[in-house]
């Protein structure tokens, strides 16, 4: 079942709202429970202080028992960890609370030893609180004990009274603490956000993958039709694109069929005209008639070649662009044509800085590697042939060079002595446009048009610029 983007947007929004509401509820509920727990511990500290001062019954959950004479002697000597019945609580926190801060010399002191099984408590803030009364300091101490997960027991002496053991772990102990859901609330929010963002990213990636496949269709080829998993809108787009590709393919095929039929149908009368022209005794008239027939059939073949390049029937594959250019130049040279291939400039590399030298070293790599590209070799060779033929027609010599980087490869064809400017040659890119030497050269004005089409099929461009000796054509393709 596929959903539309509007439905997915509602689902994502509601899921984000529900996750945020759940996380916030867990956070605030846990924070409120902890506030109650700490407040209860603070109030219990007040009650413990009053019990130690007046001897009234302690608060519920607090047990205050006097120490035995032997245990009291150990407490008086400061050896709290040796008191019987407090095994496993080897961490001692000592502090004294002045009961009357306004009369430090006459006021009584509450001496305390906190026996913990895990840690020594940071009590500097409690001891240094001059503006706090004794009960407030005791309440702050028990609140501090509740903040940490431990099972502390207090050994206390009010003034010169007896030593007593205070066990309030049912109130400020670790087991009495509420479950802290704040960290799970944060984790739940993070997980929900990750799930929602992943879902959004997956939907976005379906559009990105389809657009990339459609963009690379001309260069890498593609299937007859596309199929994509994703929201309903993407499926509608894919269906419309498939219909458009079918219509475009049908039109091109129909055009090729019509041109092929015309070429075939013209073959028989052209042959008859050629045979009848051979019977003409006037040599000049016969040659003109045969030239007209050749021009007619050649024009049809050129249009067929252009249409086949538009049909893009050749499958792309990985080839060595260096080998293709070298073989094509060698073919021209074998027939005595003035075509040369310039050597590729060596690649210059810059070394890393050294601790012994302030300058970076430089070096060059010899060109022993091949330029590999994904291309249609027949179409690319046809386009390059058209550019070389144009250079030979409008100039006297053709020089071929190769340039490359990580993304593109450029084939440069430069002629010598061409009278055309860059604007003139760019005007010849349109179909059936020919130069000023129309009377002295063959062709039908489709060579540059075919070269431009081939460049676009390879994800590149065909452009021109003024060179040192003539015009320079740059056929750039994506590697």
Protein backbone atom coordinates (compact mmCIF):
# COMPACT_ATOMS: atom_id res chain seq x y z
CA UNK A 1 0.00 0.00 0.00
CA UNK A 2 1.42 3.38 -1.04
CA UNK A 3 0.56 6.72 0.54
CA UNK A 4 0.60 10.21 -0.85
CA UNK A 5 3.05 12.79 0.40
CA UNK A 6 0.25 14.69 2.14
CA UNK A 7 -0.68 11.56 4.13
CA UNK A 8 2.97 10.88 4.93
CA UNK A 9 3.33 14.47 6.10
CA UNK A 10 0.38 14.06 8.47
CA UNK A 11 1.81 10.80 9.78
CA UNK A 12 5.25 12.34 10.35
CA UNK A 13 3.75 15.40 12.05
CA UNK A 14 1.51 13.32 14.33
CA UNK A 15 4.35 10.93 15.13
CA UNK A 16 6.65 13.83 16.00
CA UNK A 17 3.93 15.42 18.18
CA UNK A 18 3.19 12.12 19.95
CA UNK A 19 6.89 11.42 20.53
CA UNK A 20 7.43 14.93 21.87
CA UNK A 21 4.36 14.67 24.10
CA UNK A 22 5.46 11.29 25.45
CA UNK A 23 9.03 12.43 26.10
CA UNK A 24 7.87 15.65 27.76
CA UNK A 25 5.36 13.74 29.89
CA UNK A 26 8.00 11.27 31.02
CA UNK A 27 10.43 14.12 31.78
CA UNK A 28 8.02 16.27 33.79
CA UNK A 29 6.50 13.29 35.64
CA UNK A 30 9.95 12.12 36.66
CA UNK A 31 11.05 15.63 37.63
CA UNK A 32 7.91 16.08 39.77
CA UNK A 33 8.45 12.71 41.49
CA UNK A 34 12.05 13.66 42.26
CA UNK A 35 10.98 17.04 43.65
CA UNK A 36 8.55 15.29 46.02
CA UNK A 37 11.22 12.77 47.00
CA UNK A 38 13.79 15.48 47.77
CA UNK A 39 11.24 17.61 49.62
CA UNK A 40 10.26 14.63 51.76
CA UNK A 41 13.93 14.03 52.56
CA UNK A 42 14.37 17.69 53.49
CA UNK A 43 11.35 17.57 55.85
CA UNK A 44 12.66 14.33 57.38
CA UNK A 45 15.93 16.14 58.15
CA UNK A 46 13.98 18.76 60.11
CA UNK A 47 12.28 16.00 62.14
CA UNK A 48 15.56 14.21 62.83
CA UNK A 49 17.08 17.43 64.10
CA UNK A 50 14.16 18.04 66.49
CA UNK A 51 14.31 14.44 67.75
CA UNK A 52 18.03 14.76 68.48
CA UNK A 53 17.41 18.10 70.23
CA UNK A 54 14.21 17.36 72.18
CA UNK A 55 13.85 13.57 72.12
CA UNK A 56 10.37 13.55 70.55
CA UNK A 57 9.28 10.68 68.33
CA UNK A 58 10.99 10.74 64.93
CA UNK A 59 9.19 11.00 61.61
CA UNK A 60 7.72 7.91 59.98
CA UNK A 61 10.42 5.97 58.19
CA UNK A 62 13.25 7.17 60.45
CA UNK A 63 14.68 4.97 63.23
CA UNK A 64 16.83 6.60 65.94
CA UNK A 65 18.51 4.26 68.41
CA UNK A 66 21.19 5.02 71.07
CA UNK A 67 24.57 3.37 70.63
CA UNK A 68 25.86 0.84 73.10
CA UNK A 69 28.61 2.01 75.51
CA UNK A 70 31.29 0.26 73.45
CA UNK A 71 29.99 1.72 70.21
CA UNK A 72 29.69 5.15 71.82
CA UNK A 73 33.32 4.93 72.92
CA UNK A 74 34.39 4.15 69.37
CA UNK A 75 32.32 7.07 68.09
CA UNK A 76 33.86 9.38 70.71
CA UNK A 77 37.32 8.30 69.51
CA UNK A 78 36.33 8.97 65.87
CA UNK A 79 36.55 5.31 64.83
CA UNK A 80 33.10 5.22 63.27
CA UNK A 81 33.92 2.51 60.72
CA UNK A 82 34.58 0.05 63.60
CA UNK A 83 31.12 0.45 65.14
CA UNK A 84 29.30 -2.93 65.11
CA UNK A 85 26.32 -3.29 62.81
CA UNK A 86 27.57 -0.82 60.19
CA UNK A 87 29.48 -3.27 58.04
CA UNK A 88 30.03 -2.40 54.40
CA UNK A 89 29.85 1.37 54.99
CA UNK A 90 33.50 2.32 54.87
CA UNK A 91 33.07 5.85 53.46
CA UNK A 92 32.82 8.39 56.31
CA UNK A 93 31.73 12.02 55.89
CA UNK A 94 32.27 14.11 59.07
CA UNK A 95 30.58 17.44 59.70
CA UNK A 96 29.41 19.64 62.55
CA UNK A 97 26.29 21.77 62.57
CA UNK A 98 26.21 24.80 64.88
CA UNK A 99 22.73 24.94 66.35
CA UNK A 100 22.78 28.69 67.00
CA UNK A 101 24.76 30.60 64.41
CA UNK A 102 24.17 33.91 66.23
CA UNK A 103 26.04 32.71 69.32
CA UNK A 104 28.91 30.55 68.07
CA UNK A 105 30.59 30.37 71.46
CA UNK A 106 27.49 29.44 73.47
CA UNK A 107 25.54 27.49 70.89
CA UNK A 108 25.49 23.71 70.82
CA UNK A 109 27.07 21.66 68.07
CA UNK A 110 25.43 18.70 66.30
CA UNK A 111 28.25 16.32 65.43
CA UNK A 112 27.49 13.95 62.58
CA UNK A 113 29.24 11.10 60.78
CA UNK A 114 27.62 9.91 57.55
CA UNK A 115 28.47 6.25 56.93
CA UNK A 116 28.03 5.39 53.23
CA UNK A 117 28.68 2.27 51.21
CA UNK A 118 29.67 4.17 48.05
CA UNK A 119 30.94 7.74 48.43
CA UNK A 120 32.01 10.68 50.54
CA UNK A 121 29.43 13.47 50.25
CA UNK A 122 30.31 17.04 49.16
CA UNK A 123 29.11 18.96 52.24
CA UNK A 124 31.03 22.20 51.75
CA UNK A 125 27.85 24.07 50.84
CA UNK A 126 26.07 22.87 53.97
CA UNK A 127 28.89 23.66 56.38
CA UNK A 128 29.52 27.13 54.94
CA UNK A 129 25.86 28.17 55.00
CA UNK A 130 26.09 30.89 57.71
CA UNK A 131 22.61 32.27 57.07
CA UNK A 132 20.97 28.87 57.63
CA UNK A 133 19.62 27.57 60.91
CA UNK A 134 20.48 24.16 62.34
CA UNK A 135 17.26 22.46 61.16
CA UNK A 136 17.74 23.90 57.67
CA UNK A 137 21.28 22.57 57.51
CA UNK A 138 20.10 19.15 58.67
CA UNK A 139 17.32 19.20 56.07
CA UNK A 140 19.82 20.16 53.37
CA UNK A 141 22.05 17.29 54.47
CA UNK A 142 19.30 14.67 54.17
CA UNK A 143 18.29 16.21 50.83
CA UNK A 144 21.91 15.82 49.71
CA UNK A 145 21.89 12.20 50.85
CA UNK A 146 18.75 11.58 48.76
CA UNK A 147 20.39 13.08 45.68
CA UNK A 148 22.93 10.26 45.42
CA UNK A 149 22.19 6.55 45.15
CA UNK A 150 23.47 5.14 48.44
CA UNK A 151 22.27 3.67 51.74
CA UNK A 152 23.76 6.07 54.30
CA UNK A 153 23.40 5.77 58.12
CA UNK A 154 24.04 8.74 60.44
CA UNK A 155 25.97 8.63 63.72
CA UNK A 156 24.95 11.79 65.61
CA UNK A 157 25.63 13.55 68.92
CA UNK A 158 23.73 16.68 69.94
CA UNK A 159 25.90 18.81 72.22
CA UNK A 160 27.28 16.54 74.96
CA UNK A 161 24.36 14.15 74.74
CA UNK A 162 24.55 10.44 73.91
CA UNK A 163 25.68 9.10 70.55
CA UNK A 164 22.77 7.82 68.46
CA UNK A 165 22.33 5.95 65.20
CA UNK A 166 19.91 7.44 62.68
CA UNK A 167 18.62 5.12 59.95
CA UNK A 168 16.45 6.93 57.41
CA UNK A 169 17.24 4.86 54.33
CA UNK A 170 13.51 4.27 53.84
CA UNK A 171 13.23 7.99 53.09
CA UNK A 172 16.56 9.12 51.59
CA UNK A 173 18.10 5.80 50.56
CA UNK A 174 18.65 4.64 46.98
CA UNK A 175 15.83 2.12 47.16
CA UNK A 176 13.36 4.83 48.19
CA UNK A 177 14.21 7.02 45.19
CA UNK A 178 11.67 7.14 42.35
CA UNK A 179 12.58 5.76 38.94
CA UNK A 180 14.37 8.45 36.94
CA UNK A 181 12.76 8.56 33.50
CA UNK A 182 14.53 11.66 32.25
CA UNK A 183 17.28 9.80 30.42
CA UNK A 184 14.79 7.34 28.83
CA UNK A 185 12.71 10.37 27.81
CA UNK A 186 15.70 11.87 25.99
CA UNK A 187 16.51 8.52 24.37
CA UNK A 188 12.88 8.08 23.29
CA UNK A 189 12.90 11.55 21.69
CA UNK A 190 16.19 10.82 19.91
CA UNK A 191 14.95 7.44 18.62
CA UNK A 192 11.66 8.94 17.43
CA UNK A 193 13.50 11.76 15.68
CA UNK A 194 15.89 9.28 14.05
CA UNK A 195 12.99 7.13 12.81
CA UNK A 196 11.11 10.13 11.41
CA UNK A 197 14.21 11.62 9.74
CA UNK A 198 15.11 8.21 8.30
CA UNK A 199 11.61 7.85 6.86
CA UNK A 200 11.78 11.34 5.36
CA UNK A 201 15.24 10.64 3.96
CA UNK A 202 14.09 7.36 2.39
CA UNK A 203 11.21 9.10 0.62
CA UNK A 204 13.50 11.90 -0.53
CA UNK A 205 16.04 9.37 -1.79
CA UNK A 206 13.44 7.71 -4.02
CA UNK A 207 12.96 11.03 -5.85
CA UNK A 208 16.72 11.64 -5.96
CA UNK A 209 17.51 8.18 -7.37
CA UNK A 210 14.84 8.51 -10.05
CA UNK A 211 15.98 12.00 -11.08
CA UNK A 212 19.60 10.81 -11.23
CA UNK A 213 18.67 7.80 -13.35
CA UNK A 214 16.66 10.03 -15.68
CA UNK A 215 19.51 12.55 -15.89
CA UNK A 216 22.03 9.84 -16.81
CA UNK A 217 19.74 8.19 -19.34
CA UNK A 218 21.28 9.84 -22.40
CA UNK A 219 24.84 9.23 -21.23
CA UNK A 220 24.59 5.74 -19.77
CA UNK A 221 21.53 4.43 -21.52
CA UNK A 222 18.46 3.30 -19.70
CA UNK A 223 15.62 0.81 -19.60
CA UNK A 224 12.59 0.99 -21.82
CA UNK A 225 10.54 2.09 -18.79
CA UNK A 226 11.17 2.99 -15.16
CA UNK A 227 9.74 1.63 -11.94
CA UNK A 228 10.11 3.28 -8.54
CA UNK A 229 8.99 2.46 -5.03
CA UNK A 230 7.77 5.44 -3.09
CA UNK A 231 4.80 7.71 -2.53
CA UNK A 232 1.91 7.93 -4.93
CA UNK A 233 3.16 11.21 -6.43
CA UNK A 234 6.43 9.57 -7.49
CA UNK A 235 4.55 6.71 -9.11
CA UNK A 236 2.46 9.24 -11.05
CA UNK A 237 5.63 11.02 -12.19
CA UNK A 238 7.25 7.74 -13.24
CA UNK A 239 4.12 6.75 -15.16
CA UNK A 240 4.07 10.11 -16.97
CA UNK A 241 7.79 9.85 -17.80
CA UNK A 242 7.33 6.31 -19.15
CA UNK A 243 4.46 7.51 -21.34
CA UNK A 244 6.58 10.40 -22.62
CA UNK A 245 9.51 8.09 -23.39
CA UNK A 246 7.21 5.72 -25.26
CA UNK A 247 5.80 8.57 -27.35
CA UNK A 248 9.25 9.98 -28.07
CA UNK A 249 10.62 6.57 -28.99
CA UNK A 250 7.65 5.89 -31.24
CA UNK A 251 8.08 9.24 -33.03
CA UNK A 252 11.78 8.69 -33.63
CA UNK A 253 11.22 5.16 -34.83
CA UNK A 254 8.45 6.36 -37.13
CA UNK A 255 10.77 9.05 -38.49
CA UNK A 256 13.52 6.49 -39.07
CA UNK A 257 11.08 4.12 -40.76
CA UNK A 258 9.82 6.88 -43.05
CA UNK A 259 13.32 7.97 -43.97
CA UNK A 260 14.43 4.38 -44.50
CA UNK A 261 11.41 3.81 -46.72
CA UNK A 262 12.14 6.97 -48.67
CA UNK A 263 15.78 5.97 -49.06
CA UNK A 264 14.77 2.50 -50.21
CA UNK A 265 12.12 3.80 -52.56
CA UNK A 266 14.51 6.34 -54.04
CA UNK A 267 17.07 3.64 -54.67
CA UNK A 268 15.29 2.10 -57.64
CA UNK A 269 14.48 5.33 -59.54
CA UNK A 270 17.92 6.70 -58.70
CA UNK A 271 19.47 3.59 -60.22
CA UNK A 272 17.30 3.97 -63.34
CA UNK A 273 18.25 7.64 -63.60
CA UNK A 274 21.91 6.73 -63.24
CA UNK A 275 21.60 4.07 -65.99
CA UNK A 276 19.78 6.45 -68.29
CA UNK A 277 22.30 9.17 -67.57
CA UNK A 278 25.03 6.81 -68.72
CA UNK A 279 23.39 6.83 -72.18
CA UNK A 280 23.71 10.60 -72.50
CA UNK A 281 26.46 11.44 -74.90
CA UNK A 282 27.08 14.92 -73.52
CA UNK A 283 29.77 14.28 -70.88
CA UNK A 284 29.21 17.54 -69.00
CA UNK A 285 25.47 17.02 -68.76
CA UNK A 286 25.91 13.39 -67.73
CA UNK A 287 28.34 14.31 -64.93
CA UNK A 288 26.02 17.01 -63.58
CA UNK A 289 23.07 14.62 -63.58
CA UNK A 290 25.05 11.90 -61.80
CA UNK A 291 26.26 14.47 -59.23
CA UNK A 292 22.67 15.51 -58.53
CA UNK A 293 21.68 11.86 -58.01
CA UNK A 294 24.61 11.30 -55.66
CA UNK A 295 23.72 14.42 -53.71
CA UNK A 296 20.11 13.31 -53.31
CA UNK A 297 21.01 9.83 -52.05
CA UNK A 298 23.80 11.21 -49.84
CA UNK A 299 21.42 13.67 -48.22
CA UNK A 300 18.98 10.88 -47.40
CA UNK A 301 21.77 8.79 -45.88
CA UNK A 302 22.94 11.77 -43.80
CA UNK A 303 19.46 12.30 -42.42
CA UNK A 304 19.25 8.61 -41.59
CA UNK A 305 22.58 8.82 -39.76
CA UNK A 306 21.36 11.81 -37.74
CA UNK A 307 18.10 10.06 -36.86
CA UNK A 308 19.95 6.92 -35.76
CA UNK A 309 22.11 9.07 -33.49
CA UNK A 310 18.93 10.48 -31.94
CA UNK A 311 17.53 6.99 -31.47
CA UNK A 312 20.60 6.23 -29.35
CA UNK A 313 20.52 2.50 -30.03
CA UNK A 314 24.18 1.89 -29.14
CA UNK A 315 24.74 0.67 -25.58
CA UNK A 316 27.42 2.57 -23.60
CA UNK A 317 30.45 0.68 -22.31
CA UNK A 318 33.82 1.43 -20.81
CA UNK A 319 36.47 2.16 -23.41
CA UNK A 320 39.94 3.66 -23.63
CA UNK A 321 39.49 7.13 -25.10
CA UNK A 322 43.23 7.32 -25.76
CA UNK A 323 43.15 4.17 -27.91
CA UNK A 324 40.07 5.34 -29.82
CA UNK A 325 41.66 8.69 -30.72
CA UNK A 326 45.01 7.12 -31.57
CA UNK A 327 43.42 4.57 -33.92
CA UNK A 328 41.34 7.24 -35.65
CA UNK A 329 44.35 9.52 -36.16
CA UNK A 330 46.33 6.55 -37.49
CA UNK A 331 43.57 5.86 -40.07
CA UNK A 332 43.80 9.43 -41.35
CA UNK A 333 47.58 9.29 -41.46
CA UNK A 334 47.47 6.02 -43.41
CA UNK A 335 45.52 7.80 -46.16
CA UNK A 336 47.97 10.70 -46.21
CA UNK A 337 45.72 13.20 -44.43
CA UNK A 338 47.51 15.95 -42.40
CA UNK A 339 46.21 14.90 -38.97
CA UNK A 340 48.49 14.72 -35.92
CA UNK A 341 47.98 13.75 -32.29
CA UNK A 342 49.71 15.95 -29.74
CA UNK A 343 51.39 14.32 -26.77
CA UNK A 344 49.54 14.64 -23.50
CA UNK A 345 51.33 16.94 -21.07
CA UNK A 346 52.73 15.15 -18.02
CA UNK A 347 50.83 15.45 -14.77
CA UNK A 348 52.59 17.73 -12.28
CA UNK A 349 52.37 16.74 -8.62
CA UNK A 350 53.32 18.77 -5.56
CA UNK A 351 55.01 17.07 -2.64
CA UNK A 352 54.30 17.48 1.06
CA UNK A 353 56.25 20.00 3.15
CA UNK A 354 59.40 18.74 4.87
CA UNK A 355 60.87 19.61 8.25
CA UNK A 356 64.24 20.13 6.52
CA UNK A 357 63.05 22.39 3.67
CA UNK A 358 60.64 25.33 3.54
CA UNK A 359 59.69 24.77 -0.13
CA UNK A 360 57.52 22.00 -1.44
CA UNK A 361 58.97 19.59 -3.94
CA UNK A 362 57.50 19.19 -7.42
CA UNK A 363 57.57 16.32 -9.86
CA UNK A 364 55.87 15.02 -12.99
CA UNK A 365 54.31 11.70 -13.89
CA UNK A 366 54.83 10.28 -17.37
CA UNK A 367 51.65 9.64 -19.32
CA UNK A 368 51.51 5.86 -19.26
CA UNK A 369 47.90 5.51 -18.16
CA UNK A 370 44.87 5.27 -20.41
CA UNK A 371 41.92 7.62 -20.20
CA UNK A 372 38.97 5.38 -19.46
CA UNK A 373 35.45 6.66 -20.15
CA UNK A 374 31.96 5.20 -20.33
CA UNK A 375 30.86 5.98 -23.87
CA UNK A 376 29.37 4.74 -27.12
CA UNK A 377 32.47 4.16 -29.27
CA UNK A 378 30.76 4.14 -32.67
CA UNK A 379 28.85 7.37 -32.03
CA UNK A 380 31.87 9.04 -30.46
CA UNK A 381 34.09 8.04 -33.38
CA UNK A 382 31.53 9.41 -35.83
CA UNK A 383 31.40 12.75 -34.00
CA UNK A 384 35.19 13.00 -33.86
CA UNK A 385 35.42 12.12 -37.56
CA UNK A 386 33.01 14.95 -38.40
CA UNK A 387 35.12 17.43 -36.41
CA UNK A 388 38.34 16.32 -38.09
CA UNK A 389 36.73 16.46 -41.53
CA UNK A 390 35.53 20.01 -40.83
CA UNK A 391 39.02 21.01 -39.69
CA UNK A 392 40.46 19.64 -42.94
CA UNK A 393 37.77 21.35 -45.04
CA UNK A 394 38.07 24.81 -43.53
CA UNK A 395 41.78 24.62 -42.62
CA UNK A 396 44.86 22.86 -43.91
CA UNK A 397 45.77 20.68 -40.94
CA UNK A 398 44.10 19.08 -37.92
CA UNK A 399 45.79 18.71 -34.53
CA UNK A 400 44.20 16.47 -31.92
CA UNK A 401 44.83 16.75 -28.17
CA UNK A 402 43.37 15.14 -25.05
CA UNK A 403 42.74 16.73 -21.68
CA UNK A 404 41.14 15.06 -18.69
CA UNK A 405 40.32 15.41 -15.03
CA UNK A 406 38.39 13.29 -12.56
CA UNK A 407 34.99 14.27 -14.00
CA UNK A 408 35.37 15.06 -17.71
CA UNK A 409 37.50 14.26 -20.73
CA UNK A 410 37.98 16.79 -23.53
CA UNK A 411 38.98 16.07 -27.13
CA UNK A 412 40.46 19.17 -28.77
CA UNK A 413 40.50 19.46 -32.57
CA UNK A 414 42.34 22.53 -33.88
CA UNK A 415 42.71 23.48 -37.53
CA UNK A 416 45.20 25.82 -39.20
CA UNK A 417 44.29 28.82 -41.23
CA UNK A 418 40.50 28.63 -41.14
CA UNK A 419 38.78 31.81 -42.30
CA UNK A 420 35.72 31.21 -40.11
CA UNK A 421 35.26 32.94 -36.76
CA UNK A 422 33.78 31.38 -33.64
CA UNK A 423 30.42 33.01 -34.40
CA UNK A 424 30.48 31.65 -37.95
CA UNK A 425 31.18 28.07 -36.89
CA UNK A 426 28.58 28.18 -34.12
CA UNK A 427 25.99 29.20 -36.70
CA UNK A 428 26.74 25.96 -38.57
CA UNK A 429 25.56 23.84 -35.61
CA UNK A 430 21.99 23.99 -36.93
CA UNK A 431 20.95 21.20 -39.32
CA UNK A 432 21.66 21.66 -43.05
CA UNK A 433 23.80 24.77 -42.50
CA UNK A 434 26.98 24.82 -44.58
CA UNK A 435 29.97 27.13 -44.77
CA UNK A 436 31.23 29.44 -47.47
CA UNK A 437 33.07 26.61 -49.28
CA UNK A 438 29.82 24.87 -50.17
CA UNK A 439 30.82 24.63 -53.78
CA UNK A 440 34.22 23.06 -53.22
CA UNK A 441 33.50 20.47 -50.49
CA UNK A 442 31.21 17.55 -49.90
CA UNK A 443 28.68 17.35 -47.10
CA UNK A 444 25.08 18.17 -46.29
CA UNK A 445 25.34 20.37 -43.19
CA UNK A 446 24.69 17.68 -40.58
CA UNK A 447 28.22 16.90 -39.37
CA UNK A 448 28.33 19.42 -36.51
CA UNK A 449 24.70 18.71 -35.62
CA UNK A 450 25.51 15.02 -35.21
CA UNK A 451 28.62 15.89 -33.17
CA UNK A 452 26.55 18.11 -30.87
CA UNK A 453 23.97 15.35 -30.39
CA UNK A 454 26.67 12.80 -29.55
CA UNK A 455 28.24 15.19 -27.03
CA UNK A 456 24.87 15.67 -25.29
CA UNK A 457 24.34 11.91 -25.22
CA UNK A 458 27.60 11.62 -23.29
CA UNK A 459 26.64 14.29 -20.76
CA UNK A 460 28.90 16.89 -22.35
CA UNK A 461 29.00 19.79 -24.78
CA UNK A 462 30.53 20.86 -28.06
CA UNK A 463 32.02 24.36 -28.05
CA UNK A 464 34.46 26.41 -30.11
CA UNK A 465 37.16 28.93 -29.34
CA UNK A 466 39.88 30.80 -31.13
CA UNK A 467 43.17 28.87 -31.12
CA UNK A 468 46.72 29.98 -31.79
CA UNK A 469 46.59 29.06 -35.51
CA UNK A 470 42.88 28.65 -36.23
CA UNK A 471 39.63 27.47 -34.74
CA UNK A 472 39.59 25.01 -31.89
CA UNK A 473 36.69 22.59 -31.30
CA UNK A 474 36.28 21.20 -27.77
CA UNK A 475 34.27 17.99 -27.49
CA UNK A 476 33.75 17.53 -23.75
CA UNK A 477 32.19 14.32 -22.37
CA UNK A 478 31.55 13.05 -18.87
CA UNK A 479 33.82 10.21 -17.86
